[in-house]
Every structure is written in C-alpha cells, then in structure tokens.
Amino acid sequence: MAGNTDDAEDIVQEAWLRTTTGAAKLPAAEMMAYLRMTVRNLALNGIRRKRIEARIFEAEGETETVEIPSELPDPEATAISRDEYARIIAAFNGMPENMRKAVEMHRIGGERLKDIAAHLGVSTTTAHTLVINGIERCRAEADRGPA
C-alpha cells in the first residue's frame, strides 16, 4: 500500500509511536485493531500527499528559479558598518578616563547614574553630564562619515 519498503517502515514506526502514546488504556485485541487502522490511515495519507506533491512539482522538466533575498547585509553595508564601528571605538578610547568609564558603566554595564557617581567620586549631575557628553562624542564621530 505504501509503495516501497522505506515508506512502509516509516508508516509502521509512526503508527507504533501513535499507538503506544494514544492507546495505552485499550485492551490488547482493541489495540491491534487500533494499530491496523492507524497504519492504514497513515498509508492513505502518504498516498494523498505524494499525489499532491506530484501535481505541485510536475513542471515537465523545467522548474522556475526563485531568488530568495539574503538576510545578510551586502558587502558595502558591511564595510560602512565596520568603518563606523572603528570610528566609534576610536572616539570612545579618546575620551577622558572618567567620561569613558561613565559611558562604559552606564551603556554597557547598565549601571545607574547614582552608582556611577559613587564609583567615580563625583555628583550624580556630573556623572549624567559625563555620560551624555560621551555618547554625544560617539554619535558625532559616527555621523562624521569616513575620512
């Protein structure tokens, strides 16, 4: 009924799995009937599926090529991003130590301004100013474009 040995083995395995999980409470005689019915239904479903697939994929030897757009950025966008990243890192590394530490703690570490101020020994307002100015430096460098 399945058409070939491999399909038949797959059907029997699938039927066995379904039977052991769904018919555990059935008496042995009913379980055999349930297993036979499951095998028959899976075989019929397989035949139907093969007919549908044959109709869908029947193209008289010619298939149409479908281009699926890549989710990866194109090489130009990658190069631009790398350049922008390098400029931001250069701006970050060129900041005064307190500013760099404040930006790092806030943006990367997720620390609160109050904790940053305590760590740096400055007021919360000063810590906020350091973070804002540091972010602005990075943003300005990113917006500047390639040299």
N, C-alpha and C. Protein backbone atom coordinates (compact mmCIF):
# COMPACT_ATOMS: atom_id res chain seq x y z
N MET A 1 0.83 -1.20 0.00
CA MET A 1 0.00 0.00 0.00
C MET A 1 0.87 1.27 0.00
N ALA A 2 2.03 1.22 0.68
CA ALA A 2 2.88 2.40 0.81
C ALA A 2 3.68 2.67 -0.45
N GLY A 3 3.95 1.63 -1.23
CA GLY A 3 4.68 1.85 -2.47
C GLY A 3 6.11 1.37 -2.42
N ASN A 4 6.78 1.50 -1.28
CA ASN A 4 8.14 0.99 -1.15
C ASN A 4 8.43 0.66 0.31
N THR A 5 9.50 -0.08 0.51
CA THR A 5 9.84 -0.58 1.84
C THR A 5 10.16 0.54 2.82
N ASP A 6 10.89 1.55 2.37
CA ASP A 6 11.25 2.66 3.28
C ASP A 6 10.02 3.39 3.79
N ASP A 7 9.08 3.69 2.89
CA ASP A 7 7.85 4.36 3.31
C ASP A 7 7.05 3.48 4.26
N ALA A 8 7.00 2.18 3.96
CA ALA A 8 6.26 1.25 4.82
C ALA A 8 6.85 1.21 6.22
N GLU A 9 8.18 1.17 6.31
CA GLU A 9 8.83 1.17 7.62
C GLU A 9 8.54 2.46 8.38
N ASP A 10 8.56 3.58 7.69
CA ASP A 10 8.25 4.86 8.33
C ASP A 10 6.82 4.88 8.85
N ILE A 11 5.90 4.33 8.05
CA ILE A 11 4.49 4.31 8.45
C ILE A 11 4.29 3.43 9.68
N VAL A 12 4.92 2.26 9.69
CA VAL A 12 4.78 1.37 10.84
C VAL A 12 5.37 2.00 12.09
N GLN A 13 6.51 2.64 11.95
CA GLN A 13 7.13 3.30 13.11
C GLN A 13 6.24 4.43 13.63
N GLU A 14 5.73 5.24 12.73
CA GLU A 14 4.85 6.34 13.14
C GLU A 14 3.58 5.80 13.80
N ALA A 15 3.01 4.74 13.23
CA ALA A 15 1.81 4.13 13.80
C ALA A 15 2.10 3.58 15.19
N TRP A 16 3.24 2.93 15.33
CA TRP A 16 3.60 2.38 16.64
C TRP A 16 3.73 3.48 17.68
N LEU A 17 4.39 4.58 17.31
CA LEU A 17 4.53 5.69 18.25
C LEU A 17 3.16 6.26 18.63
N ARG A 18 2.32 6.43 17.67
CA ARG A 18 0.98 6.98 17.95
C ARG A 18 0.17 6.01 18.79
N THR A 19 0.28 4.74 18.52
CA THR A 19 -0.49 3.73 19.24
C THR A 19 -0.03 3.64 20.68
N THR A 20 1.26 3.63 20.90
CA THR A 20 1.76 3.48 22.27
C THR A 20 1.46 4.70 23.13
N THR A 21 1.34 5.87 22.51
CA THR A 21 1.02 7.06 23.30
C THR A 21 -0.48 7.29 23.42
N GLY A 22 -1.26 6.88 22.41
CA GLY A 22 -2.69 7.19 22.42
C GLY A 22 -3.59 6.06 22.86
N ALA A 23 -3.11 4.83 22.83
CA ALA A 23 -3.99 3.70 23.11
C ALA A 23 -3.52 2.87 24.29
N ALA A 24 -2.83 3.45 25.20
CA ALA A 24 -2.26 2.70 26.32
C ALA A 24 -3.33 2.08 27.20
N LYS A 25 -4.54 2.61 27.19
CA LYS A 25 -5.59 2.11 28.05
C LYS A 25 -6.50 1.08 27.36
N LEU A 26 -6.22 0.78 26.10
CA LEU A 26 -7.05 -0.17 25.36
C LEU A 26 -6.64 -1.60 25.66
N PRO A 27 -7.61 -2.54 25.64
CA PRO A 27 -7.27 -3.96 25.76
C PRO A 27 -6.46 -4.40 24.53
N ALA A 28 -5.72 -5.50 24.64
CA ALA A 28 -4.81 -5.95 23.59
C ALA A 28 -5.52 -6.14 22.25
N ALA A 29 -6.71 -6.75 22.23
CA ALA A 29 -7.43 -7.00 20.98
C ALA A 29 -7.81 -5.68 20.31
N GLU A 30 -8.27 -4.74 21.07
CA GLU A 30 -8.64 -3.44 20.52
C GLU A 30 -7.41 -2.65 20.10
N MET A 31 -6.32 -2.86 20.81
CA MET A 31 -5.08 -2.15 20.48
C MET A 31 -4.56 -2.58 19.11
N MET A 32 -4.68 -3.89 18.79
CA MET A 32 -4.25 -4.37 17.48
C MET A 32 -5.12 -3.77 16.37
N ALA A 33 -6.43 -3.68 16.61
CA ALA A 33 -7.33 -3.07 15.62
C ALA A 33 -6.99 -1.59 15.45
N TYR A 34 -6.71 -0.93 16.56
CA TYR A 34 -6.34 0.48 16.52
C TYR A 34 -5.03 0.67 15.75
N LEU A 35 -4.07 -0.23 15.98
CA LEU A 35 -2.79 -0.17 15.28
C LEU A 35 -2.98 -0.37 13.78
N ARG A 36 -3.80 -1.37 13.38
CA ARG A 36 -4.06 -1.61 11.95
C ARG A 36 -4.72 -0.39 11.30
N MET A 37 -5.69 0.16 11.99
CA MET A 37 -6.39 1.34 11.45
C MET A 37 -5.42 2.52 11.32
N THR A 38 -4.55 2.71 12.28
CA THR A 38 -3.57 3.80 12.23
C THR A 38 -2.62 3.60 11.05
N VAL A 39 -2.13 2.36 10.85
CA VAL A 39 -1.24 2.07 9.71
C VAL A 39 -1.96 2.37 8.41
N ARG A 40 -3.20 1.91 8.28
CA ARG A 40 -3.98 2.14 7.06
C ARG A 40 -4.16 3.63 6.79
N ASN A 41 -4.54 4.38 7.80
CA ASN A 41 -4.78 5.81 7.63
C ASN A 41 -3.49 6.56 7.27
N LEU A 42 -2.38 6.20 7.91
CA LEU A 42 -1.11 6.84 7.59
C LEU A 42 -0.68 6.52 6.16
N ALA A 43 -0.91 5.28 5.72
CA ALA A 43 -0.56 4.90 4.34
C ALA A 43 -1.40 5.69 3.35
N LEU A 44 -2.71 5.81 3.62
CA LEU A 44 -3.57 6.59 2.72
C LEU A 44 -3.18 8.06 2.70
N ASN A 45 -2.85 8.59 3.85
CA ASN A 45 -2.39 10.00 3.90
C ASN A 45 -1.11 10.18 3.09
N GLY A 46 -0.21 9.21 3.17
CA GLY A 46 1.03 9.27 2.40
C GLY A 46 0.77 9.24 0.91
N ILE A 47 -0.16 8.40 0.49
CA ILE A 47 -0.51 8.32 -0.94
C ILE A 47 -1.10 9.65 -1.40
N ARG A 48 -2.00 10.22 -0.62
CA ARG A 48 -2.59 11.52 -0.98
C ARG A 48 -1.52 12.60 -1.07
N ARG A 49 -0.62 12.61 -0.09
CA ARG A 49 0.44 13.61 -0.07
C ARG A 49 1.33 13.48 -1.31
N LYS A 50 1.67 12.24 -1.69
CA LYS A 50 2.51 12.04 -2.88
C LYS A 50 1.80 12.51 -4.15
N ARG A 51 0.50 12.30 -4.25
CA ARG A 51 -0.25 12.78 -5.42
C ARG A 51 -0.23 14.30 -5.48
N ILE A 52 -0.45 14.93 -4.35
CA ILE A 52 -0.45 16.40 -4.31
C ILE A 52 0.93 16.93 -4.67
N GLU A 53 1.98 16.32 -4.09
CA GLU A 53 3.34 16.76 -4.39
C GLU A 53 3.66 16.58 -5.87
N ALA A 54 3.19 15.48 -6.46
CA ALA A 54 3.44 15.23 -7.88
C ALA A 54 2.80 16.31 -8.74
N ARG A 55 1.58 16.72 -8.37
CA ARG A 55 0.91 17.78 -9.13
C ARG A 55 1.61 19.12 -8.97
N ILE A 56 2.06 19.39 -7.75
CA ILE A 56 2.70 20.68 -7.49
C ILE A 56 4.04 20.77 -8.19
N PHE A 57 4.82 19.70 -8.11
CA PHE A 57 6.18 19.75 -8.63
C PHE A 57 6.31 19.26 -10.06
N GLU A 58 5.21 18.92 -10.69
CA GLU A 58 5.24 18.48 -12.08
C GLU A 58 5.39 19.71 -12.96
N ALA A 59 6.54 19.83 -13.59
CA ALA A 59 6.80 21.01 -14.42
C ALA A 59 7.43 20.60 -15.74
N GLU A 60 7.22 19.35 -16.15
CA GLU A 60 7.75 18.85 -17.42
C GLU A 60 9.25 19.11 -17.54
N GLY A 61 9.98 18.89 -16.46
CA GLY A 61 11.43 19.02 -16.51
C GLY A 61 11.94 20.44 -16.32
N GLU A 62 11.07 21.41 -16.38
CA GLU A 62 11.51 22.80 -16.22
C GLU A 62 10.99 23.34 -14.89
N THR A 63 11.89 23.86 -14.13
CA THR A 63 11.48 24.50 -12.88
C THR A 63 11.91 25.95 -12.92
N GLU A 64 11.09 26.75 -12.35
CA GLU A 64 11.37 28.19 -12.32
C GLU A 64 12.30 28.49 -11.15
N THR A 65 13.32 29.23 -11.41
CA THR A 65 14.26 29.61 -10.36
C THR A 65 13.68 30.78 -9.59
N VAL A 66 13.65 30.62 -8.30
CA VAL A 66 13.15 31.68 -7.44
C VAL A 66 14.31 32.19 -6.61
N GLU A 67 14.55 33.47 -6.68
CA GLU A 67 15.61 34.06 -5.88
C GLU A 67 15.05 34.51 -4.54
N ILE A 68 15.67 34.01 -3.50
CA ILE A 68 15.27 34.38 -2.15
C ILE A 68 16.30 35.39 -1.65
N PRO A 69 15.85 36.58 -1.30
CA PRO A 69 16.81 37.59 -0.86
C PRO A 69 17.50 37.16 0.43
N SER A 70 18.78 37.45 0.49
CA SER A 70 19.58 37.10 1.67
C SER A 70 19.28 38.08 2.79
N GLU A 71 19.30 37.57 4.00
CA GLU A 71 19.11 38.44 5.16
C GLU A 71 20.43 39.09 5.58
N LEU A 72 21.52 38.64 4.98
CA LEU A 72 22.82 39.22 5.30
C LEU A 72 22.96 40.58 4.62
N PRO A 73 23.64 41.51 5.26
CA PRO A 73 23.84 42.81 4.61
C PRO A 73 24.79 42.66 3.43
N ASP A 74 24.65 43.55 2.46
CA ASP A 74 25.54 43.49 1.31
C ASP A 74 26.95 43.94 1.73
N PRO A 75 27.96 43.63 0.93
CA PRO A 75 29.34 43.96 1.31
C PRO A 75 29.57 45.45 1.58
N GLU A 76 28.89 46.30 0.84
CA GLU A 76 29.06 47.74 1.05
C GLU A 76 28.56 48.15 2.43
N ALA A 77 27.37 47.65 2.80
CA ALA A 77 26.82 47.98 4.12
C ALA A 77 27.71 47.44 5.23
N THR A 78 28.29 46.25 5.01
CA THR A 78 29.19 45.67 5.99
C THR A 78 30.43 46.55 6.16
N ALA A 79 31.00 47.01 5.05
CA ALA A 79 32.19 47.85 5.11
C ALA A 79 31.89 49.18 5.81
N ILE A 80 30.74 49.76 5.51
CA ILE A 80 30.34 51.02 6.15
C ILE A 80 30.17 50.82 7.65
N SER A 81 29.52 49.72 8.03
CA SER A 81 29.32 49.44 9.46
C SER A 81 30.64 49.24 10.18
N ARG A 82 31.56 48.53 9.56
CA ARG A 82 32.87 48.32 10.18
C ARG A 82 33.61 49.65 10.36
N ASP A 83 33.53 50.50 9.34
CA ASP A 83 34.19 51.80 9.42
C ASP A 83 33.57 52.65 10.53
N GLU A 84 32.24 52.65 10.60
CA GLU A 84 31.54 53.41 11.63
C GLU A 84 31.89 52.89 13.02
N TYR A 85 31.94 51.58 13.15
CA TYR A 85 32.29 50.96 14.43
C TYR A 85 33.71 51.37 14.85
N ALA A 86 34.64 51.35 13.90
CA ALA A 86 36.02 51.74 14.20
C ALA A 86 36.09 53.19 14.66
N ARG A 87 35.30 54.07 14.03
CA ARG A 87 35.30 55.48 14.44
C ARG A 87 34.72 55.64 15.85
N ILE A 88 33.67 54.90 16.16
CA ILE A 88 33.07 54.99 17.49
C ILE A 88 34.05 54.49 18.55
N ILE A 89 34.73 53.37 18.26
CA ILE A 89 35.72 52.84 19.21
C ILE A 89 36.86 53.84 19.41
N ALA A 90 37.30 54.47 18.33
CA ALA A 90 38.36 55.47 18.45
C ALA A 90 37.90 56.64 19.31
N ALA A 91 36.66 57.10 19.11
CA ALA A 91 36.12 58.19 19.92
C ALA A 91 36.02 57.76 21.38
N PHE A 92 35.58 56.54 21.61
CA PHE A 92 35.45 56.01 22.96
C PHE A 92 36.81 55.94 23.65
N ASN A 93 37.79 55.43 22.94
CA ASN A 93 39.13 55.31 23.52
C ASN A 93 39.82 56.67 23.71
N GLY A 94 39.38 57.69 22.95
CA GLY A 94 39.97 59.02 23.06
C GLY A 94 39.34 59.87 24.14
N MET A 95 38.32 59.37 24.83
CA MET A 95 37.66 60.14 25.88
C MET A 95 38.54 60.21 27.13
N PRO A 96 38.34 61.27 27.92
CA PRO A 96 39.00 61.30 29.23
C PRO A 96 38.56 60.07 30.04
N GLU A 97 39.40 59.61 30.93
CA GLU A 97 39.15 58.35 31.65
C GLU A 97 37.81 58.33 32.39
N ASN A 98 37.47 59.41 33.11
CA ASN A 98 36.19 59.45 33.84
C ASN A 98 35.00 59.35 32.89
N MET A 99 35.08 60.05 31.77
CA MET A 99 33.99 60.03 30.80
C MET A 99 33.84 58.63 30.21
N ARG A 100 34.98 58.04 29.83
CA ARG A 100 34.94 56.71 29.22
C ARG A 100 34.37 55.69 30.21
N LYS A 101 34.82 55.78 31.46
CA LYS A 101 34.35 54.86 32.50
C LYS A 101 32.85 55.06 32.74
N ALA A 102 32.38 56.31 32.76
CA ALA A 102 30.96 56.59 32.99
C ALA A 102 30.10 56.03 31.86
N VAL A 103 30.54 56.23 30.61
CA VAL A 103 29.80 55.72 29.46
C VAL A 103 29.79 54.19 29.49
N GLU A 104 30.93 53.61 29.77
CA GLU A 104 31.04 52.15 29.82
C GLU A 104 30.12 51.57 30.90
N MET A 105 30.16 52.15 32.07
CA MET A 105 29.34 51.65 33.18
C MET A 105 27.85 51.80 32.87
N HIS A 106 27.47 52.93 32.26
CA HIS A 106 26.05 53.19 32.00
C HIS A 106 25.52 52.41 30.81
N ARG A 107 26.20 52.51 29.66
CA ARG A 107 25.68 51.93 28.42
C ARG A 107 25.98 50.44 28.28
N ILE A 108 27.12 50.01 28.78
CA ILE A 108 27.50 48.60 28.63
C ILE A 108 27.13 47.81 29.89
N GLY A 109 27.45 48.39 31.04
CA GLY A 109 27.19 47.69 32.29
C GLY A 109 25.79 47.87 32.83
N GLY A 110 25.05 48.86 32.32
CA GLY A 110 23.69 49.09 32.79
C GLY A 110 23.60 49.69 34.19
N GLU A 111 24.67 50.30 34.64
CA GLU A 111 24.69 50.88 35.98
C GLU A 111 23.84 52.15 36.04
N ARG A 112 23.33 52.44 37.22
CA ARG A 112 22.56 53.67 37.43
C ARG A 112 23.52 54.83 37.65
N LEU A 113 23.05 56.02 37.33
CA LEU A 113 23.88 57.21 37.46
C LEU A 113 24.37 57.40 38.89
N LYS A 114 23.52 57.09 39.85
CA LYS A 114 23.88 57.22 41.26
C LYS A 114 25.08 56.33 41.59
N ASP A 115 25.09 55.10 41.07
CA ASP A 115 26.20 54.16 41.32
C ASP A 115 27.46 54.60 40.58
N ILE A 116 27.30 55.15 39.39
CA ILE A 116 28.44 55.65 38.62
C ILE A 116 29.08 56.81 39.36
N ALA A 117 28.24 57.71 39.87
CA ALA A 117 28.74 58.87 40.61
C ALA A 117 29.53 58.42 41.83
N ALA A 118 29.01 57.45 42.56
CA ALA A 118 29.70 56.95 43.76
C ALA A 118 31.04 56.31 43.38
N HIS A 119 31.05 55.55 42.30
CA HIS A 119 32.28 54.88 41.86
C HIS A 119 33.36 55.89 41.43
N LEU A 120 32.92 56.94 40.74
CA LEU A 120 33.88 57.93 40.23
C LEU A 120 34.18 59.03 41.25
N GLY A 121 33.40 59.09 42.32
CA GLY A 121 33.61 60.12 43.34
C GLY A 121 33.16 61.49 42.88
N VAL A 122 32.06 61.53 42.08
CA VAL A 122 31.52 62.81 41.59
C VAL A 122 30.04 62.85 41.93
N SER A 123 29.40 64.00 41.65
CA SER A 123 27.97 64.11 41.90
C SER A 123 27.20 63.37 40.81
N THR A 124 25.94 63.09 41.08
CA THR A 124 25.08 62.41 40.11
C THR A 124 24.93 63.27 38.86
N THR A 125 24.83 64.58 39.04
CA THR A 125 24.71 65.50 37.91
C THR A 125 25.95 65.43 37.03
N THR A 126 27.11 65.38 37.66
CA THR A 126 28.37 65.29 36.90
C THR A 126 28.44 63.95 36.16
N ALA A 127 28.03 62.88 36.81
CA ALA A 127 28.02 61.56 36.17
C ALA A 127 27.09 61.58 34.95
N HIS A 128 25.94 62.23 35.10
CA HIS A 128 24.98 62.33 33.99
C HIS A 128 25.60 63.12 32.84
N THR A 129 26.27 64.21 33.16
CA THR A 129 26.92 65.04 32.14
C THR A 129 28.02 64.26 31.42
N LEU A 130 28.81 63.49 32.17
CA LEU A 130 29.87 62.68 31.57
C LEU A 130 29.28 61.66 30.58
N VAL A 131 28.21 61.01 30.97
CA VAL A 131 27.57 60.01 30.10
C VAL A 131 27.01 60.68 28.85
N ILE A 132 26.29 61.78 29.02
CA ILE A 132 25.69 62.48 27.88
C ILE A 132 26.77 62.97 26.92
N ASN A 133 27.80 63.61 27.44
CA ASN A 133 28.88 64.13 26.59
C ASN A 133 29.62 63.00 25.88
N GLY A 134 29.83 61.88 26.57
CA GLY A 134 30.50 60.74 25.95
C GLY A 134 29.68 60.14 24.82
N ILE A 135 28.39 60.01 25.04
CA ILE A 135 27.51 59.48 23.99
C ILE A 135 27.48 60.43 22.80
N GLU A 136 27.43 61.72 23.08
CA GLU A 136 27.44 62.71 22.00
C GLU A 136 28.73 62.65 21.19
N ARG A 137 29.85 62.44 21.85
CA ARG A 137 31.12 62.30 21.12
C ARG A 137 31.07 61.10 20.18
N CYS A 138 30.58 59.98 20.69
CA CYS A 138 30.48 58.77 19.85
C CYS A 138 29.51 59.00 18.69
N ARG A 139 28.38 59.63 18.98
CA ARG A 139 27.39 59.89 17.93
C ARG A 139 27.94 60.83 16.86
N ALA A 140 28.63 61.87 17.29
CA ALA A 140 29.21 62.83 16.34
C ALA A 140 30.25 62.14 15.46
N GLU A 141 31.04 61.27 16.05
CA GLU A 141 32.07 60.55 15.28
C GLU A 141 31.41 59.59 14.29
N ALA A 142 30.32 58.94 14.70
CA ALA A 142 29.62 58.02 13.80
C ALA A 142 28.98 58.79 12.65
N ASP A 143 28.43 59.97 12.94
CA ASP A 143 27.77 60.77 11.90
C ASP A 143 28.75 61.48 10.98
N ARG A 144 29.99 61.60 11.42
CA ARG A 144 31.00 62.32 10.64
C ARG A 144 31.26 61.65 9.30
N GLY A 145 31.19 60.36 9.24
CA GLY A 145 31.44 59.65 7.98
C GLY A 145 32.91 59.37 7.80
N PRO A 146 33.23 58.59 6.77
CA PRO A 146 34.64 58.21 6.54
C PRO A 146 35.51 59.42 6.23
N ALA A 147 36.75 59.29 6.65
CA ALA A 147 37.70 60.39 6.44
C ALA A 147 38.19 60.45 5.02
